[in-house]
Amino acid sequence: MSHTVEGGPGSVRPGGRTARTRAAVLAATRAELVETGLARMTVEKVAVRAGVAKTTVYARWRDISGLIVDLLSELTLRTVPVPDTGSLEGDLRQVARSLLALFRSEPDRVTFEAVLATALQDARARAALSAFYVYRLDATAELVDRALARGEVPPGTDRLEVVRTLSSTFYYRTFFTGEPVTEQDADRTAAVAAHAAKAGLLVTPAP
């Protein structure tokens, strides 16, 4: 069983022709990222692949950074699955397996690599990335709220830190060391996060 969280920052989308143009351009942006990489990507290439005039792309997105920011906004709008297995560890294990599938998907992995690279150079991308993670962390932390209600974890448990503890292995290995993440790694990370929460290691310190 699982719940879903819809929407997110900027969840109102334009309709009609504008929506079709945006969808085509963002799809072309993802395809260019996967096939040519961020360093060789140009607005002109995106426009040709999307079948729109380059002036349209420049007018709406201005540059490659603008395209990357909007692509991240589109990813934020995806439905977020929030598992409800009846136990914190079970929920975290399902989230970990979902993260594993995400980082094994070349288009998604390449997109995140491009977003991270752009965020180092562009304030708009940095802000979009922060909004993305704030939303995703808060949405996923619903499973910690349920664990609190069941008495699985002590009062004061930092709901966001539980999710950070779970996800840090995936980001570290994928984007920094290049090490593979296996199903066993995903399950172990979920167990570590669950046990740390239950042991009170992720309780917010008193001021």
N, C-alpha and C. Protein backbone atom coordinates (compact mmCIF):
# COMPACT_ATOMS: atom_id res chain seq x y z
N MET A 1 0.85 -1.20 0.00
CA MET A 1 0.00 0.00 0.00
C MET A 1 0.88 1.24 0.00
N SER A 2 0.49 2.27 -0.68
CA SER A 2 1.25 3.50 -0.67
C SER A 2 0.33 4.67 -0.91
N HIS A 3 0.79 5.83 -0.45
CA HIS A 3 0.09 7.07 -0.72
C HIS A 3 0.92 7.83 -1.74
N THR A 4 0.33 8.88 -2.31
CA THR A 4 1.09 9.71 -3.23
C THR A 4 0.90 11.16 -2.89
N VAL A 5 1.92 11.93 -3.21
CA VAL A 5 1.87 13.36 -3.01
C VAL A 5 1.97 14.00 -4.38
N GLU A 6 0.98 14.80 -4.73
CA GLU A 6 0.95 15.41 -6.05
C GLU A 6 1.56 16.80 -6.01
N GLY A 7 2.03 17.21 -7.17
CA GLY A 7 2.45 18.59 -7.33
C GLY A 7 3.74 18.93 -6.64
N GLY A 8 3.89 20.21 -6.28
CA GLY A 8 5.13 20.66 -5.69
C GLY A 8 5.34 22.10 -6.09
N PRO A 9 6.55 22.63 -5.90
CA PRO A 9 6.81 24.01 -6.28
C PRO A 9 6.49 24.25 -7.75
N GLY A 10 5.73 25.28 -8.02
CA GLY A 10 5.40 25.61 -9.40
C GLY A 10 4.53 24.58 -10.08
N SER A 11 3.52 24.05 -9.36
CA SER A 11 2.75 22.94 -9.89
C SER A 11 1.67 23.35 -10.88
N VAL A 12 1.48 24.65 -11.11
CA VAL A 12 0.51 25.08 -12.10
C VAL A 12 1.18 25.11 -13.46
N ARG A 13 0.67 24.32 -14.41
CA ARG A 13 1.30 24.23 -15.72
C ARG A 13 0.48 25.00 -16.76
N PRO A 14 1.17 25.56 -17.73
CA PRO A 14 0.43 26.22 -18.81
C PRO A 14 -0.27 25.18 -19.66
N GLY A 15 -1.35 25.59 -20.35
CA GLY A 15 -2.09 24.64 -21.15
C GLY A 15 -1.96 24.93 -22.64
N GLY A 16 -2.62 24.10 -23.45
CA GLY A 16 -2.68 24.32 -24.89
C GLY A 16 -1.34 24.24 -25.59
N ARG A 17 -1.18 25.12 -26.59
CA ARG A 17 0.03 25.10 -27.40
C ARG A 17 1.28 25.36 -26.57
N THR A 18 1.16 26.25 -25.59
CA THR A 18 2.31 26.56 -24.73
C THR A 18 2.77 25.31 -24.00
N ALA A 19 1.83 24.53 -23.51
CA ALA A 19 2.17 23.30 -22.80
C ALA A 19 2.84 22.30 -23.73
N ARG A 20 2.34 22.20 -24.96
CA ARG A 20 2.94 21.26 -25.91
C ARG A 20 4.36 21.69 -26.28
N THR A 21 4.57 22.98 -26.43
CA THR A 21 5.90 23.48 -26.75
C THR A 21 6.86 23.20 -25.59
N ARG A 22 6.40 23.47 -24.38
CA ARG A 22 7.25 23.23 -23.20
C ARG A 22 7.59 21.76 -23.08
N ALA A 23 6.61 20.89 -23.27
CA ALA A 23 6.86 19.45 -23.16
C ALA A 23 7.87 19.00 -24.21
N ALA A 24 7.74 19.51 -25.43
CA ALA A 24 8.66 19.13 -26.50
C ALA A 24 10.08 19.61 -26.21
N VAL A 25 10.19 20.84 -25.72
CA VAL A 25 11.52 21.40 -25.44
C VAL A 25 12.18 20.68 -24.26
N LEU A 26 11.42 20.37 -23.23
CA LEU A 26 12.01 19.68 -22.08
C LEU A 26 12.40 18.25 -22.44
N ALA A 27 11.58 17.60 -23.28
CA ALA A 27 11.94 16.26 -23.74
C ALA A 27 13.21 16.31 -24.57
N ALA A 28 13.34 17.33 -25.40
CA ALA A 28 14.54 17.49 -26.21
C ALA A 28 15.75 17.79 -25.33
N THR A 29 15.55 18.55 -24.28
CA THR A 29 16.64 18.85 -23.35
C THR A 29 17.17 17.58 -22.70
N ARG A 30 16.27 16.74 -22.24
CA ARG A 30 16.68 15.47 -21.63
C ARG A 30 17.42 14.59 -22.64
N ALA A 31 16.90 14.54 -23.85
CA ALA A 31 17.52 13.71 -24.88
C ALA A 31 18.92 14.21 -25.22
N GLU A 32 19.09 15.52 -25.31
CA GLU A 32 20.40 16.08 -25.58
C GLU A 32 21.38 15.81 -24.45
N LEU A 33 20.90 15.90 -23.22
CA LEU A 33 21.76 15.62 -22.07
C LEU A 33 22.29 14.19 -22.13
N VAL A 34 21.40 13.25 -22.45
CA VAL A 34 21.79 11.85 -22.49
C VAL A 34 22.72 11.55 -23.66
N GLU A 35 22.42 12.13 -24.82
CA GLU A 35 23.16 11.77 -26.03
C GLU A 35 24.45 12.57 -26.22
N THR A 36 24.44 13.86 -25.85
CA THR A 36 25.63 14.68 -26.12
C THR A 36 26.30 15.20 -24.86
N GLY A 37 25.57 15.24 -23.74
CA GLY A 37 26.16 15.75 -22.51
C GLY A 37 25.98 17.25 -22.37
N LEU A 38 26.08 17.74 -21.14
CA LEU A 38 25.86 19.15 -20.85
C LEU A 38 26.87 20.04 -21.57
N ALA A 39 28.14 19.62 -21.61
CA ALA A 39 29.20 20.47 -22.17
C ALA A 39 28.98 20.77 -23.64
N ARG A 40 28.37 19.82 -24.38
CA ARG A 40 28.20 20.01 -25.83
C ARG A 40 26.77 20.40 -26.21
N MET A 41 25.94 20.59 -25.22
CA MET A 41 24.55 20.93 -25.50
C MET A 41 24.42 22.41 -25.83
N THR A 42 23.57 22.73 -26.81
CA THR A 42 23.31 24.13 -27.17
C THR A 42 21.81 24.36 -27.30
N VAL A 43 21.42 25.60 -27.20
CA VAL A 43 20.02 25.96 -27.38
C VAL A 43 19.57 25.59 -28.79
N GLU A 44 20.44 25.80 -29.76
CA GLU A 44 20.10 25.49 -31.15
C GLU A 44 19.79 24.01 -31.33
N LYS A 45 20.61 23.13 -30.73
CA LYS A 45 20.39 21.69 -30.85
C LYS A 45 19.06 21.29 -30.20
N VAL A 46 18.77 21.89 -29.06
CA VAL A 46 17.51 21.59 -28.37
C VAL A 46 16.33 22.02 -29.23
N ALA A 47 16.43 23.21 -29.82
CA ALA A 47 15.34 23.73 -30.64
C ALA A 47 15.08 22.83 -31.85
N VAL A 48 16.15 22.40 -32.52
CA VAL A 48 15.99 21.53 -33.68
C VAL A 48 15.33 20.23 -33.29
N ARG A 49 15.80 19.63 -32.20
CA ARG A 49 15.23 18.35 -31.75
C ARG A 49 13.77 18.51 -31.35
N ALA A 50 13.43 19.64 -30.75
CA ALA A 50 12.06 19.87 -30.30
C ALA A 50 11.14 20.30 -31.44
N GLY A 51 11.72 20.71 -32.57
CA GLY A 51 10.90 21.16 -33.69
C GLY A 51 10.32 22.53 -33.49
N VAL A 52 11.05 23.40 -32.78
CA VAL A 52 10.58 24.76 -32.56
C VAL A 52 11.68 25.74 -32.99
N ALA A 53 11.32 26.99 -33.16
CA ALA A 53 12.31 28.01 -33.52
C ALA A 53 13.23 28.28 -32.33
N LYS A 54 14.51 28.51 -32.63
CA LYS A 54 15.44 28.78 -31.53
C LYS A 54 15.08 30.08 -30.81
N THR A 55 14.43 31.01 -31.54
CA THR A 55 14.01 32.26 -30.90
C THR A 55 12.97 32.00 -29.81
N THR A 56 12.15 30.96 -30.01
CA THR A 56 11.16 30.58 -29.00
C THR A 56 11.84 30.10 -27.74
N VAL A 57 12.87 29.30 -27.91
CA VAL A 57 13.61 28.78 -26.75
C VAL A 57 14.32 29.91 -26.03
N TYR A 58 14.99 30.78 -26.80
CA TYR A 58 15.69 31.90 -26.17
C TYR A 58 14.72 32.83 -25.44
N ALA A 59 13.56 33.05 -26.01
CA ALA A 59 12.59 33.98 -25.42
C ALA A 59 12.07 33.46 -24.08
N ARG A 60 11.85 32.15 -24.01
CA ARG A 60 11.26 31.61 -22.79
C ARG A 60 12.29 31.15 -21.77
N TRP A 61 13.38 30.52 -22.24
CA TRP A 61 14.35 29.91 -21.31
C TRP A 61 15.68 30.65 -21.24
N ARG A 62 15.96 31.52 -22.20
CA ARG A 62 17.15 32.37 -22.24
C ARG A 62 18.44 31.61 -22.57
N ASP A 63 18.70 30.51 -21.86
CA ASP A 63 19.96 29.81 -22.07
C ASP A 63 19.84 28.38 -21.56
N ILE A 64 20.96 27.64 -21.61
CA ILE A 64 20.96 26.25 -21.16
C ILE A 64 20.59 26.16 -19.68
N SER A 65 21.07 27.08 -18.87
CA SER A 65 20.74 27.04 -17.44
C SER A 65 19.24 27.14 -17.22
N GLY A 66 18.58 27.99 -18.01
CA GLY A 66 17.13 28.12 -17.90
C GLY A 66 16.42 26.83 -18.25
N LEU A 67 16.93 26.13 -19.26
CA LEU A 67 16.35 24.84 -19.63
C LEU A 67 16.52 23.82 -18.51
N ILE A 68 17.70 23.79 -17.90
CA ILE A 68 17.97 22.84 -16.82
C ILE A 68 17.08 23.12 -15.62
N VAL A 69 16.91 24.39 -15.28
CA VAL A 69 16.05 24.77 -14.16
C VAL A 69 14.62 24.31 -14.40
N ASP A 70 14.10 24.54 -15.61
CA ASP A 70 12.71 24.15 -15.90
C ASP A 70 12.58 22.63 -15.94
N LEU A 71 13.61 21.95 -16.42
CA LEU A 71 13.58 20.49 -16.43
C LEU A 71 13.49 19.95 -15.00
N LEU A 72 14.23 20.56 -14.09
CA LEU A 72 14.15 20.14 -12.69
C LEU A 72 12.77 20.42 -12.11
N SER A 73 12.17 21.55 -12.49
CA SER A 73 10.81 21.85 -12.03
C SER A 73 9.83 20.78 -12.50
N GLU A 74 10.02 20.30 -13.72
CA GLU A 74 9.16 19.25 -14.25
C GLU A 74 9.34 17.96 -13.46
N LEU A 75 10.57 17.64 -13.08
CA LEU A 75 10.81 16.44 -12.28
C LEU A 75 10.17 16.57 -10.90
N THR A 76 10.17 17.79 -10.36
CA THR A 76 9.55 18.01 -9.06
C THR A 76 8.06 17.72 -9.10
N LEU A 77 7.44 17.94 -10.26
CA LEU A 77 6.00 17.74 -10.39
C LEU A 77 5.60 16.27 -10.46
N ARG A 78 6.56 15.37 -10.62
CA ARG A 78 6.22 13.96 -10.65
C ARG A 78 5.59 13.53 -9.33
N THR A 79 4.65 12.60 -9.40
CA THR A 79 4.05 12.06 -8.19
C THR A 79 5.11 11.37 -7.34
N VAL A 80 5.09 11.65 -6.05
CA VAL A 80 6.05 11.05 -5.13
C VAL A 80 5.38 9.87 -4.42
N PRO A 81 5.84 8.64 -4.62
CA PRO A 81 5.24 7.51 -3.91
C PRO A 81 5.70 7.50 -2.45
N VAL A 82 4.76 7.39 -1.55
CA VAL A 82 5.08 7.31 -0.12
C VAL A 82 4.57 5.97 0.39
N PRO A 83 5.46 4.99 0.58
CA PRO A 83 5.03 3.64 0.97
C PRO A 83 4.34 3.63 2.34
N ASP A 84 3.50 2.65 2.54
CA ASP A 84 2.85 2.45 3.84
C ASP A 84 2.77 0.95 4.09
N THR A 85 3.89 0.36 4.53
CA THR A 85 3.97 -1.09 4.75
C THR A 85 3.56 -1.48 6.15
N GLY A 86 3.43 -0.49 7.04
CA GLY A 86 3.09 -0.79 8.42
C GLY A 86 4.28 -0.75 9.35
N SER A 87 5.50 -0.58 8.79
CA SER A 87 6.69 -0.46 9.63
C SER A 87 7.64 0.54 9.01
N LEU A 88 8.43 1.21 9.86
CA LEU A 88 9.36 2.21 9.36
C LEU A 88 10.40 1.57 8.44
N GLU A 89 10.98 0.46 8.88
CA GLU A 89 12.01 -0.16 8.06
C GLU A 89 11.45 -0.63 6.71
N GLY A 90 10.25 -1.18 6.74
CA GLY A 90 9.63 -1.61 5.49
C GLY A 90 9.40 -0.44 4.54
N ASP A 91 8.93 0.69 5.10
CA ASP A 91 8.72 1.88 4.27
C ASP A 91 10.04 2.38 3.70
N LEU A 92 11.07 2.46 4.55
CA LEU A 92 12.36 2.96 4.10
C LEU A 92 12.99 2.02 3.06
N ARG A 93 12.75 0.73 3.21
CA ARG A 93 13.29 -0.21 2.23
C ARG A 93 12.68 0.04 0.85
N GLN A 94 11.37 0.30 0.83
CA GLN A 94 10.73 0.57 -0.46
C GLN A 94 11.23 1.88 -1.07
N VAL A 95 11.44 2.89 -0.24
CA VAL A 95 11.98 4.15 -0.73
C VAL A 95 13.39 3.93 -1.29
N ALA A 96 14.18 3.14 -0.57
CA ALA A 96 15.55 2.86 -1.01
C ALA A 96 15.55 2.14 -2.36
N ARG A 97 14.64 1.19 -2.54
CA ARG A 97 14.56 0.49 -3.82
C ARG A 97 14.11 1.44 -4.94
N SER A 98 13.24 2.40 -4.62
CA SER A 98 12.83 3.39 -5.61
C SER A 98 14.00 4.29 -6.01
N LEU A 99 14.81 4.68 -5.02
CA LEU A 99 16.00 5.47 -5.31
C LEU A 99 16.98 4.69 -6.18
N LEU A 100 17.11 3.41 -5.87
CA LEU A 100 18.00 2.56 -6.66
C LEU A 100 17.56 2.53 -8.12
N ALA A 101 16.27 2.38 -8.34
CA ALA A 101 15.75 2.37 -9.71
C ALA A 101 15.98 3.72 -10.39
N LEU A 102 15.84 4.80 -9.64
CA LEU A 102 16.06 6.14 -10.18
C LEU A 102 17.49 6.31 -10.66
N PHE A 103 18.44 5.92 -9.83
CA PHE A 103 19.84 6.13 -10.19
C PHE A 103 20.36 5.11 -11.20
N ARG A 104 19.60 4.06 -11.42
CA ARG A 104 19.98 3.11 -12.47
C ARG A 104 19.40 3.53 -13.83
N SER A 105 18.50 4.50 -13.81
CA SER A 105 17.93 5.02 -15.05
C SER A 105 18.88 6.06 -15.63
N GLU A 106 19.44 5.78 -16.80
CA GLU A 106 20.42 6.71 -17.38
C GLU A 106 19.85 8.11 -17.59
N PRO A 107 18.65 8.26 -18.17
CA PRO A 107 18.13 9.62 -18.35
C PRO A 107 18.00 10.39 -17.04
N ASP A 108 17.50 9.73 -15.98
CA ASP A 108 17.35 10.41 -14.70
C ASP A 108 18.71 10.74 -14.09
N ARG A 109 19.63 9.79 -14.14
CA ARG A 109 20.96 10.03 -13.56
C ARG A 109 21.67 11.17 -14.28
N VAL A 110 21.65 11.15 -15.61
CA VAL A 110 22.30 12.20 -16.39
C VAL A 110 21.65 13.55 -16.13
N THR A 111 20.34 13.55 -15.99
CA THR A 111 19.64 14.81 -15.70
C THR A 111 20.10 15.39 -14.37
N PHE A 112 20.19 14.55 -13.34
CA PHE A 112 20.62 15.04 -12.04
C PHE A 112 22.08 15.49 -12.07
N GLU A 113 22.91 14.79 -12.82
CA GLU A 113 24.30 15.22 -12.94
C GLU A 113 24.37 16.61 -13.57
N ALA A 114 23.55 16.84 -14.59
CA ALA A 114 23.52 18.14 -15.25
C ALA A 114 23.01 19.23 -14.31
N VAL A 115 21.99 18.89 -13.54
CA VAL A 115 21.44 19.86 -12.58
C VAL A 115 22.50 20.23 -11.54
N LEU A 116 23.19 19.23 -11.01
CA LEU A 116 24.23 19.50 -10.01
C LEU A 116 25.34 20.36 -10.59
N ALA A 117 25.77 20.03 -11.81
CA ALA A 117 26.83 20.81 -12.44
C ALA A 117 26.38 22.25 -12.68
N THR A 118 25.14 22.42 -13.12
CA THR A 118 24.62 23.76 -13.39
C THR A 118 24.45 24.55 -12.10
N ALA A 119 24.05 23.88 -11.03
CA ALA A 119 23.81 24.56 -9.75
C ALA A 119 25.10 25.16 -9.18
N LEU A 120 26.24 24.60 -9.56
CA LEU A 120 27.52 25.15 -9.08
C LEU A 120 27.83 26.49 -9.74
N GLN A 121 27.19 26.76 -10.89
CA GLN A 121 27.51 27.95 -11.66
C GLN A 121 26.36 28.96 -11.72
N ASP A 122 25.14 28.51 -11.42
CA ASP A 122 23.97 29.35 -11.68
C ASP A 122 23.08 29.41 -10.44
N ALA A 123 22.80 30.61 -9.98
CA ALA A 123 22.00 30.78 -8.76
C ALA A 123 20.58 30.27 -8.94
N ARG A 124 20.01 30.42 -10.16
CA ARG A 124 18.66 29.93 -10.40
C ARG A 124 18.60 28.41 -10.25
N ALA A 125 19.61 27.73 -10.79
CA ALA A 125 19.65 26.28 -10.68
C ALA A 125 19.84 25.85 -9.23
N ARG A 126 20.66 26.59 -8.50
CA ARG A 126 20.88 26.28 -7.08
C ARG A 126 19.57 26.40 -6.30
N ALA A 127 18.82 27.46 -6.56
CA ALA A 127 17.54 27.66 -5.86
C ALA A 127 16.53 26.59 -6.26
N ALA A 128 16.49 26.22 -7.54
CA ALA A 128 15.57 25.18 -8.00
C ALA A 128 15.91 23.84 -7.38
N LEU A 129 17.21 23.55 -7.29
CA LEU A 129 17.64 22.29 -6.69
C LEU A 129 17.26 22.24 -5.21
N SER A 130 17.45 23.35 -4.51
CA SER A 130 17.08 23.40 -3.09
C SER A 130 15.58 23.18 -2.91
N ALA A 131 14.78 23.84 -3.75
CA ALA A 131 13.32 23.68 -3.67
C ALA A 131 12.92 22.24 -3.95
N PHE A 132 13.58 21.63 -4.92
CA PHE A 132 13.30 20.24 -5.27
C PHE A 132 13.52 19.33 -4.07
N TYR A 133 14.67 19.47 -3.41
CA TYR A 133 14.97 18.58 -2.30
C TYR A 133 14.15 18.87 -1.05
N VAL A 134 13.84 20.14 -0.81
CA VAL A 134 12.97 20.47 0.32
C VAL A 134 11.62 19.79 0.14
N TYR A 135 11.07 19.88 -1.07
CA TYR A 135 9.77 19.28 -1.33
C TYR A 135 9.82 17.76 -1.21
N ARG A 136 10.83 17.15 -1.85
CA ARG A 136 10.92 15.69 -1.83
C ARG A 136 11.18 15.17 -0.41
N LEU A 137 12.04 15.81 0.33
CA LEU A 137 12.30 15.39 1.71
C LEU A 137 11.04 15.45 2.55
N ASP A 138 10.32 16.58 2.44
CA ASP A 138 9.12 16.76 3.26
C ASP A 138 8.05 15.75 2.89
N ALA A 139 7.90 15.48 1.58
CA ALA A 139 6.88 14.52 1.13
C ALA A 139 7.19 13.12 1.63
N THR A 140 8.45 12.71 1.51
CA THR A 140 8.85 11.36 1.92
C THR A 140 8.80 11.20 3.43
N ALA A 141 9.05 12.28 4.17
CA ALA A 141 9.09 12.21 5.63
C ALA A 141 7.73 11.90 6.24
N GLU A 142 6.68 11.85 5.42
CA GLU A 142 5.37 11.43 5.92
C GLU A 142 5.46 10.06 6.58
N LEU A 143 6.33 9.19 6.06
CA LEU A 143 6.44 7.86 6.63
C LEU A 143 7.03 7.90 8.05
N VAL A 144 7.84 8.92 8.34
CA VAL A 144 8.36 9.08 9.69
C VAL A 144 7.25 9.56 10.63
N ASP A 145 6.37 10.41 10.14
CA ASP A 145 5.22 10.86 10.93
C ASP A 145 4.37 9.66 11.37
N ARG A 146 4.17 8.71 10.45
CA ARG A 146 3.39 7.53 10.79
C ARG A 146 4.13 6.67 11.81
N ALA A 147 5.45 6.58 11.67
CA ALA A 147 6.24 5.81 12.65
C ALA A 147 6.14 6.44 14.04
N LEU A 148 6.13 7.76 14.09
CA LEU A 148 5.96 8.46 15.36
C LEU A 148 4.60 8.14 15.97
N ALA A 149 3.55 8.15 15.13
CA ALA A 149 2.20 7.86 15.61
C ALA A 149 2.09 6.42 16.12
N ARG A 150 2.85 5.50 15.53
CA ARG A 150 2.82 4.10 15.97
C ARG A 150 3.71 3.86 17.19
N GLY A 151 4.51 4.86 17.56
CA GLY A 151 5.42 4.70 18.68
C GLY A 151 6.69 3.94 18.32
N GLU A 152 6.99 3.83 17.04
CA GLU A 152 8.20 3.13 16.61
C GLU A 152 9.47 3.92 16.89
N VAL A 153 9.35 5.25 16.85
CA VAL A 153 10.52 6.10 17.08
C VAL A 153 10.18 7.09 18.19
N PRO A 154 11.19 7.57 18.91
CA PRO A 154 10.92 8.46 20.04
C PRO A 154 10.46 9.84 19.61
N PRO A 155 9.70 10.52 20.48
CA PRO A 155 9.31 11.90 20.19
C PRO A 155 10.54 12.77 19.93
N GLY A 156 10.38 13.73 19.05
CA GLY A 156 11.50 14.61 18.74
C GLY A 156 12.39 14.10 17.62
N THR A 157 12.06 12.92 17.08
CA THR A 157 12.85 12.39 15.96
C THR A 157 12.78 13.37 14.79
N ASP A 158 13.93 13.71 14.24
CA ASP A 158 14.01 14.64 13.12
C ASP A 158 13.56 13.90 11.86
N ARG A 159 12.35 14.20 11.42
CA ARG A 159 11.75 13.47 10.30
C ARG A 159 12.56 13.62 9.01
N LEU A 160 13.12 14.80 8.80
CA LEU A 160 13.90 15.01 7.58
C LEU A 160 15.26 14.32 7.66
N GLU A 161 15.83 14.26 8.86
CA GLU A 161 17.15 13.63 9.00
C GLU A 161 17.08 12.13 8.77
N VAL A 162 15.94 11.52 9.06
CA VAL A 162 15.77 10.10 8.77
C VAL A 162 15.88 9.87 7.26
N VAL A 163 15.22 10.71 6.49
CA VAL A 163 15.26 10.56 5.03
C VAL A 163 16.64 10.90 4.49
N ARG A 164 17.29 11.91 5.06
CA ARG A 164 18.65 12.25 4.62
C ARG A 164 19.60 11.09 4.89
N THR A 165 19.46 10.46 6.05
CA THR A 165 20.32 9.32 6.39
C THR A 165 20.13 8.19 5.38
N LEU A 166 18.89 7.99 4.97
CA LEU A 166 18.60 6.95 3.99
C LEU A 166 19.22 7.26 2.63
N SER A 167 19.07 8.49 2.17
CA SER A 167 19.42 8.81 0.78
C SER A 167 20.89 9.17 0.57
N SER A 168 21.62 9.48 1.64
CA SER A 168 22.99 9.97 1.47
C SER A 168 23.89 8.97 0.75
N THR A 169 23.73 7.68 1.03
CA THR A 169 24.56 6.67 0.38
C THR A 169 24.40 6.70 -1.14
N PHE A 170 23.18 6.86 -1.59
CA PHE A 170 22.92 6.86 -3.03
C PHE A 170 23.61 8.03 -3.72
N TYR A 171 23.48 9.22 -3.15
CA TYR A 171 24.07 10.40 -3.77
C TYR A 171 25.59 10.35 -3.70
N TYR A 172 26.13 9.91 -2.56
CA TYR A 172 27.58 9.85 -2.39
C TYR A 172 28.21 8.89 -3.40
N ARG A 173 27.65 7.71 -3.50
CA ARG A 173 28.22 6.71 -4.41
C ARG A 173 28.00 7.08 -5.87
N THR A 174 26.81 7.57 -6.19
CA THR A 174 26.48 7.85 -7.58
C THR A 174 27.25 9.05 -8.12
N PHE A 175 27.33 10.14 -7.35
CA PHE A 175 27.86 11.39 -7.87
C PHE A 175 29.28 11.73 -7.42
N PHE A 176 29.81 11.00 -6.41
CA PHE A 176 31.14 11.34 -5.92
C PHE A 176 32.16 10.22 -6.13
N THR A 177 31.87 9.02 -5.65
CA THR A 177 32.85 7.94 -5.77
C THR A 177 32.64 7.07 -6.99
N GLY A 178 31.43 7.11 -7.57
CA GLY A 178 31.16 6.28 -8.74
C GLY A 178 30.98 4.81 -8.43
N GLU A 179 30.83 4.48 -7.15
CA GLU A 179 30.63 3.08 -6.76
C GLU A 179 29.20 2.64 -7.09
N PRO A 180 29.03 1.39 -7.47
CA PRO A 180 27.67 0.90 -7.72
C PRO A 180 26.89 0.75 -6.42
N VAL A 181 25.58 0.84 -6.51
CA VAL A 181 24.70 0.58 -5.37
C VAL A 181 23.84 -0.63 -5.74
N THR A 182 23.88 -1.66 -4.89
CA THR A 182 23.14 -2.88 -5.15
C THR A 182 21.86 -2.92 -4.34
N GLU A 183 21.04 -3.93 -4.61
CA GLU A 183 19.83 -4.13 -3.81
C GLU A 183 20.18 -4.35 -2.34
N GLN A 184 21.26 -5.08 -2.11
CA GLN A 184 21.69 -5.33 -0.73
C GLN A 184 22.11 -4.03 -0.04
N ASP A 185 22.79 -3.16 -0.78
CA ASP A 185 23.18 -1.86 -0.23
C ASP A 185 21.94 -1.04 0.12
N ALA A 186 20.96 -1.07 -0.76
CA ALA A 186 19.72 -0.32 -0.53
C ALA A 186 19.02 -0.81 0.73
N ASP A 187 18.91 -2.12 0.87
CA ASP A 187 18.24 -2.69 2.05
C ASP A 187 19.02 -2.40 3.33
N ARG A 188 20.36 -2.47 3.24
CA ARG A 188 21.18 -2.20 4.43
C ARG A 188 21.06 -0.74 4.85
N THR A 189 21.04 0.16 3.88
CA THR A 189 20.91 1.58 4.19
C THR A 189 19.56 1.87 4.86
N ALA A 190 18.52 1.21 4.38
CA ALA A 190 17.19 1.37 4.99
C ALA A 190 17.21 0.86 6.43
N ALA A 191 17.85 -0.27 6.66
CA ALA A 191 17.92 -0.84 8.01
C ALA A 191 18.70 0.08 8.95
N VAL A 192 19.80 0.64 8.46
CA VAL A 192 20.61 1.55 9.28
C VAL A 192 19.81 2.78 9.67
N ALA A 193 19.12 3.37 8.70
CA ALA A 193 18.32 4.57 8.98
C ALA A 193 17.21 4.27 9.97
N ALA A 194 16.53 3.13 9.79
CA ALA A 194 15.44 2.75 10.69
C ALA A 194 15.96 2.51 12.10
N HIS A 195 17.06 1.77 12.21
CA HIS A 195 17.60 1.45 13.54
C HIS A 195 18.13 2.70 14.24
N ALA A 196 18.74 3.61 13.48
CA ALA A 196 19.23 4.85 14.08
C ALA A 196 18.06 5.68 14.62
N ALA A 197 16.97 5.73 13.86
CA ALA A 197 15.79 6.48 14.31
C ALA A 197 15.18 5.86 15.56
N LYS A 198 15.06 4.53 15.55
CA LYS A 198 14.45 3.84 16.70
C LYS A 198 15.31 3.98 17.95
N ALA A 199 16.63 4.05 17.77
CA ALA A 199 17.55 4.16 18.91
C ALA A 199 17.64 5.58 19.45
N GLY A 200 16.96 6.52 18.80
CA GLY A 200 16.97 7.90 19.28
C GLY A 200 18.17 8.70 18.80
N LEU A 201 18.92 8.16 17.85
CA LEU A 201 20.13 8.85 17.37
C LEU A 201 19.79 10.02 16.45
N LEU A 202 18.55 10.07 15.98
CA LEU A 202 18.15 11.15 15.07
C LEU A 202 17.13 12.09 15.71
N VAL A 203 17.10 12.12 17.03
CA VAL A 203 16.25 13.07 17.76
C VAL A 203 16.89 14.44 17.70
N THR A 204 16.10 15.47 17.46
CA THR A 204 16.61 16.83 17.41
C THR A 204 17.08 17.22 18.81
N PRO A 205 18.35 17.67 18.94
CA PRO A 205 18.86 18.05 20.27
C PRO A 205 18.06 19.19 20.89
N ALA A 206 17.89 19.14 22.19
CA ALA A 206 17.19 20.23 22.88
C ALA A 206 18.04 21.49 22.83
N PRO A 207 17.41 22.67 22.65
CA PRO A 207 18.18 23.93 22.59
C PRO A 207 18.82 24.24 23.92
